[in-house]
Protein backbone atom coordinates (compact mmCIF):
# COMPACT_ATOMS: atom_id res chain seq x y z
CA MET A 1 3.46 -2.08 47.66
CA LEU A 2 6.08 -4.58 46.50
CA ARG A 3 3.45 -6.61 44.70
CA ARG A 4 2.17 -3.51 42.93
CA LEU A 5 5.70 -2.52 41.92
CA SER A 6 6.34 -6.00 40.53
CA ALA A 7 3.14 -5.83 38.53
CA LEU A 8 4.13 -2.46 37.08
CA ILE A 9 7.56 -3.77 36.11
CA LEU A 10 5.98 -6.80 34.44
CA LEU A 11 3.54 -4.56 32.57
CA PHE A 12 6.40 -2.31 31.40
CA PHE A 13 8.45 -5.17 30.03
CA SER A 14 5.39 -6.74 28.40
CA ALA A 15 4.58 -3.47 26.65
CA THR A 16 8.20 -3.06 25.59
CA ALA A 17 8.30 -6.56 24.17
CA LEU A 18 5.06 -5.94 22.29
CA ALA A 19 6.41 -2.70 20.83
CA GLU A 20 9.49 -4.55 19.57
CA VAL A 21 7.54 -7.15 17.59
CA PRO A 22 8.45 -6.51 13.94
CA ARG A 23 5.41 -5.48 11.92
CA VAL A 24 4.66 -6.43 8.34
CA ALA A 25 2.06 -4.87 6.04
CA ILE A 26 1.04 -6.25 2.66
CA ILE A 27 -0.70 -4.46 -0.22
CA ILE A 28 -2.19 -6.23 -3.23
CA ASP A 29 -2.08 -3.89 -6.23
CA ASP A 30 -3.89 -3.82 -9.58
CA LEU A 31 -7.25 -5.11 -8.43
CA GLY A 32 -10.22 -4.51 -10.68
CA TYR A 33 -9.72 -6.59 -13.81
CA HIS A 34 -9.66 -10.29 -12.92
CA LEU A 35 -12.68 -11.08 -10.74
CA ALA A 36 -11.64 -14.55 -9.52
CA ASN A 37 -8.10 -13.52 -8.58
CA GLY A 38 -9.47 -10.35 -6.99
CA LYS A 39 -11.82 -12.37 -4.78
CA ARG A 40 -8.99 -14.73 -3.89
CA ALA A 41 -6.84 -11.75 -2.84
CA ILE A 42 -9.66 -10.37 -0.70
CA SER A 43 -9.87 -13.75 1.04
CA LEU A 44 -6.23 -13.64 2.17
CA PRO A 45 -5.91 -14.02 5.94
CA GLY A 46 -5.35 -10.93 8.04
CA PRO A 47 -5.46 -7.20 7.34
CA VAL A 48 -4.00 -7.21 3.84
CA ALA A 49 -4.78 -3.96 1.98
CA MET A 50 -6.45 -4.06 -1.44
CA SER A 51 -5.42 -1.41 -3.97
CA VAL A 52 -7.94 -0.90 -6.77
CA LEU A 53 -7.42 0.66 -10.20
CA PRO A 54 -10.12 3.28 -10.77
CA SER A 55 -10.63 2.57 -14.47
CA ALA A 56 -10.90 -1.20 -14.13
CA PRO A 57 -14.29 -2.74 -14.97
CA ARG A 58 -14.70 -4.53 -11.63
CA ALA A 59 -13.19 -1.79 -9.46
CA ARG A 60 -16.37 -0.92 -7.59
CA THR A 61 -17.42 -4.52 -7.05
CA LEU A 62 -14.07 -5.63 -5.65
CA ALA A 63 -13.67 -2.50 -3.50
CA GLN A 64 -17.06 -3.14 -1.93
CA GLN A 65 -16.22 -6.80 -1.31
CA ALA A 66 -12.85 -5.89 0.18
CA HIS A 67 -14.47 -3.42 2.55
CA ALA A 68 -17.13 -5.95 3.53
CA ASN A 69 -14.34 -8.41 4.36
CA GLY A 70 -12.61 -5.91 6.65
CA LYS A 71 -9.77 -5.05 4.28
CA GLU A 72 -8.44 -1.53 3.86
CA VAL A 73 -9.19 -0.22 0.37
CA LEU A 74 -6.60 1.93 -1.41
CA LEU A 75 -6.98 3.89 -4.62
CA HIS A 76 -4.28 2.63 -6.98
CA LEU A 77 -3.87 5.96 -8.74
CA PRO A 78 -2.23 5.83 -12.20
CA LEU A 79 0.62 8.34 -12.53
CA GLN A 80 2.61 8.85 -15.70
CA ALA A 81 5.55 6.50 -16.17
CA TYR A 82 8.83 7.35 -17.83
CA ASP A 83 8.15 4.88 -20.64
CA ASP A 84 4.44 5.69 -21.05
CA ASP A 85 4.33 5.78 -24.87
CA ASP A 86 1.08 4.03 -25.81
CA ARG A 87 0.49 2.55 -22.36
CA ALA A 88 -1.29 5.57 -20.88
CA GLU A 89 -4.28 4.50 -18.81
CA PRO A 90 -7.67 6.08 -18.17
CA ALA A 91 -7.70 8.20 -15.01
CA GLU A 92 -3.94 8.68 -15.29
CA ILE A 93 -2.39 11.92 -14.07
CA VAL A 94 0.21 13.13 -16.58
CA LEU A 95 2.63 16.01 -16.90
CA ASP A 96 0.71 17.95 -19.53
CA MET A 97 -2.27 18.38 -17.18
CA SER A 98 -3.15 21.72 -15.65
CA ARG A 99 -3.72 22.12 -11.92
CA ALA A 100 -7.46 21.97 -12.50
CA ARG A 101 -7.26 18.78 -14.56
CA VAL A 102 -5.15 17.09 -11.90
CA GLY A 103 -7.84 17.88 -9.35
CA ASP A 104 -10.67 16.72 -11.62
CA THR A 105 -8.90 13.48 -12.54
CA PHE A 106 -8.16 12.71 -8.91
CA GLN A 107 -11.77 13.35 -7.89
CA GLN A 108 -13.11 11.10 -10.64
CA ALA A 109 -10.72 8.34 -9.58
CA LEU A 110 -11.89 8.63 -5.97
CA GLU A 111 -15.52 8.42 -7.04
CA ALA A 112 -14.82 5.23 -9.00
CA VAL A 113 -13.51 3.32 -5.95
CA PRO A 114 -15.67 3.28 -2.80
CA HIS A 115 -14.37 3.04 0.77
CA VAL A 116 -10.91 4.44 0.00
CA VAL A 117 -8.73 5.19 3.05
CA GLY A 118 -5.47 5.93 1.23
CA ILE A 119 -3.74 6.37 -2.11
CA ASN A 120 -0.86 4.44 -3.58
CA SER A 121 0.81 5.20 -6.86
CA HIS A 122 0.46 3.01 -9.94
CA ARG A 123 3.58 3.23 -12.15
CA GLY A 124 4.57 6.92 -11.83
CA SER A 125 8.28 6.71 -12.56
CA LEU A 126 8.02 10.03 -14.41
CA LEU A 127 5.41 11.99 -12.47
CA THR A 128 6.80 11.21 -9.01
CA ARG A 129 10.04 12.96 -10.02
CA HIS A 130 8.25 16.28 -10.57
CA PRO A 131 7.72 18.46 -7.46
CA GLY A 132 5.10 20.70 -9.09
CA HIS A 133 2.64 18.01 -10.11
CA MET A 134 3.27 16.02 -6.95
CA ALA A 135 2.51 19.15 -4.90
CA TRP A 136 -0.80 19.51 -6.74
CA LEU A 137 -1.62 15.87 -6.02
CA MET A 138 -0.66 16.13 -2.36
CA GLN A 139 -2.81 19.26 -2.00
CA GLU A 140 -5.76 17.26 -3.33
CA ILE A 141 -5.08 14.45 -0.86
CA ALA A 142 -4.64 16.88 2.03
CA ALA A 143 -7.96 18.53 1.22
CA ARG A 144 -9.75 15.24 1.94
CA GLU A 145 -9.50 14.31 5.59
CA GLN A 146 -8.09 10.97 6.70
CA LEU A 147 -6.47 10.02 3.37
CA PHE A 148 -2.81 8.97 3.36
CA PHE A 149 -0.32 8.30 0.58
CA ILE A 150 1.95 5.32 -0.10
CA ASP A 151 4.78 5.81 -2.56
CA SER A 152 5.09 2.62 -4.56
CA PHE A 153 8.59 3.92 -5.29
CA THR A 154 9.01 2.98 -8.93
CA THR A 155 11.99 5.33 -9.27
CA HIS A 156 14.78 6.24 -6.87
CA GLN A 157 14.31 9.82 -8.01
CA SER A 158 10.84 10.01 -6.48
CA VAL A 159 10.16 13.17 -4.48
CA ALA A 160 6.78 11.93 -3.25
CA MET A 161 7.73 11.53 0.40
CA GLN A 162 9.29 15.00 0.60
CA ILE A 163 6.32 16.67 -1.09
CA ALA A 164 3.86 14.76 1.09
CA GLU A 165 5.60 16.02 4.22
CA GLU A 166 5.66 19.58 2.90
CA ASN A 167 1.89 19.44 2.35
CA GLY A 168 0.97 17.76 5.61
CA VAL A 169 0.05 14.39 4.09
CA ASP A 170 0.79 11.26 6.10
CA ALA A 171 2.90 9.02 3.88
CA VAL A 172 5.17 6.00 3.78
CA ARG A 173 7.19 4.20 1.11
CA ARG A 174 7.02 0.55 0.14
CA ASP A 175 10.07 -1.60 0.81
CA ILE A 176 9.67 -4.67 -1.41
CA PHE A 177 7.84 -5.67 -4.56
CA LEU A 178 7.09 -9.32 -3.92
CA ASP A 179 6.63 -10.41 -7.51
CA PRO A 180 8.59 -8.50 -10.17
CA ASP A 181 9.49 -12.05 -11.18
CA LYS A 182 6.45 -14.36 -11.13
CA ASP A 183 8.54 -17.46 -10.44
CA PRO A 184 7.41 -18.97 -7.11
CA GLY A 185 10.99 -19.27 -5.89
CA ALA A 186 11.68 -15.61 -6.62
CA ILE A 187 8.50 -14.54 -4.81
CA ALA A 188 9.50 -16.62 -1.79
CA ARG A 189 12.93 -14.96 -1.71
CA GLU A 190 11.36 -11.48 -1.82
CA PHE A 191 9.04 -12.42 1.03
CA GLU A 192 12.07 -13.44 3.09
CA ARG A 193 13.72 -10.10 2.25
CA LEU A 194 10.58 -8.35 3.50
CA LYS A 195 10.79 -10.15 6.83
CA GLU A 196 14.49 -9.36 7.15
CA ILE A 197 13.81 -5.64 6.71
CA ALA A 198 11.09 -5.86 9.36
CA ARG A 199 13.48 -7.59 11.76
CA LYS A 200 16.13 -4.92 11.31
CA ARG A 201 13.96 -1.79 11.23
CA GLY A 202 10.86 -2.87 13.11
CA TYR A 203 8.45 -2.76 10.16
CA ALA A 204 8.30 -3.37 6.42
CA ILE A 205 5.78 -2.88 3.62
CA GLY A 206 5.49 -5.28 0.71
CA ILE A 207 3.48 -4.87 -2.48
CA GLY A 208 2.28 -7.84 -4.48
CA HIS A 209 -0.17 -8.47 -7.29
CA PRO A 210 -3.07 -10.87 -7.71
CA TYR A 211 -0.96 -13.43 -9.54
CA PRO A 212 -1.71 -17.06 -8.66
CA ALA A 213 1.87 -17.69 -7.48
CA THR A 214 1.83 -14.62 -5.22
CA LEU A 215 -1.54 -15.47 -3.72
CA GLU A 216 -0.51 -19.08 -3.15
CA LEU A 217 2.60 -18.00 -1.24
CA LEU A 218 0.69 -15.48 0.88
CA GLU A 219 -2.05 -17.98 1.68
CA LYS A 220 0.63 -20.28 3.04
CA GLU A 221 2.98 -17.79 4.69
CA LEU A 222 0.75 -15.13 6.26
CA PRO A 223 -0.71 -17.50 8.91
CA ARG A 224 2.86 -18.39 9.94
CA LEU A 225 4.00 -14.83 10.64
CA ALA A 226 2.84 -14.76 14.26
CA GLU A 227 4.67 -17.96 15.21
CA GLU A 228 7.78 -16.57 13.50
CA GLY A 229 7.64 -13.48 15.71
CA PHE A 230 6.00 -10.98 13.33
CA LYS A 231 2.75 -9.05 13.49
CA LEU A 232 0.72 -8.60 10.32
CA VAL A 233 -0.81 -5.13 10.50
CA ARG A 234 -2.95 -2.74 8.50
CA VAL A 235 -0.81 -0.57 6.27
CA SER A 236 -2.41 2.51 7.85
CA GLU A 237 -0.63 1.60 11.11
CA LEU A 238 2.73 2.15 9.42
CA VAL A 239 1.95 5.49 7.80
CA LYS A 240 4.00 8.26 9.36
């Protein structure tokens, strides 16, 4: 009896310790244009998610390769930015669209990228402020089972998380952009910030891009996470 009790106590504390390991998830955005960098991103160690632009010429190829390599594939859905001007992209959802056009555009984007398990926003500093259009988008996501949403959070005025909850869509928000500055030193500092958030809160989500400096840092640092006390996880594990 005493031995069994000791075993149960040990199991409890082991499970508690495991639950307290800070978790880190990484997403690589903007895949679909540069084939070599896309393949290099897909080769990153561990369950790094690959987010693919639906209008990019190599979107389907890289999504298929990512899936074959065991990576989660996200649809990097273009949403209208505040400073769109002449930078509007194909497959972008914009404010002058009707409800029907939002649905059609979203469906076409999904069909362009195979093996999608979730959506994350590309740009979107204008559209993610608007509850009406975000509700339409979340209704489209909710209508397709098993899809989740990640707010890339390009504006502090984003209502995406609130609207996702109201429409029953599992969602989470990114914490850090790893490479707004492509300088290797700056990327390293953002990676340290990501780990600090994970230590304090228990998890953190970082978004990077297939830049050589970003990929070089992740190739070096991701294998070290476990010995530093972190667990690299699929981003789907952190979706609420």
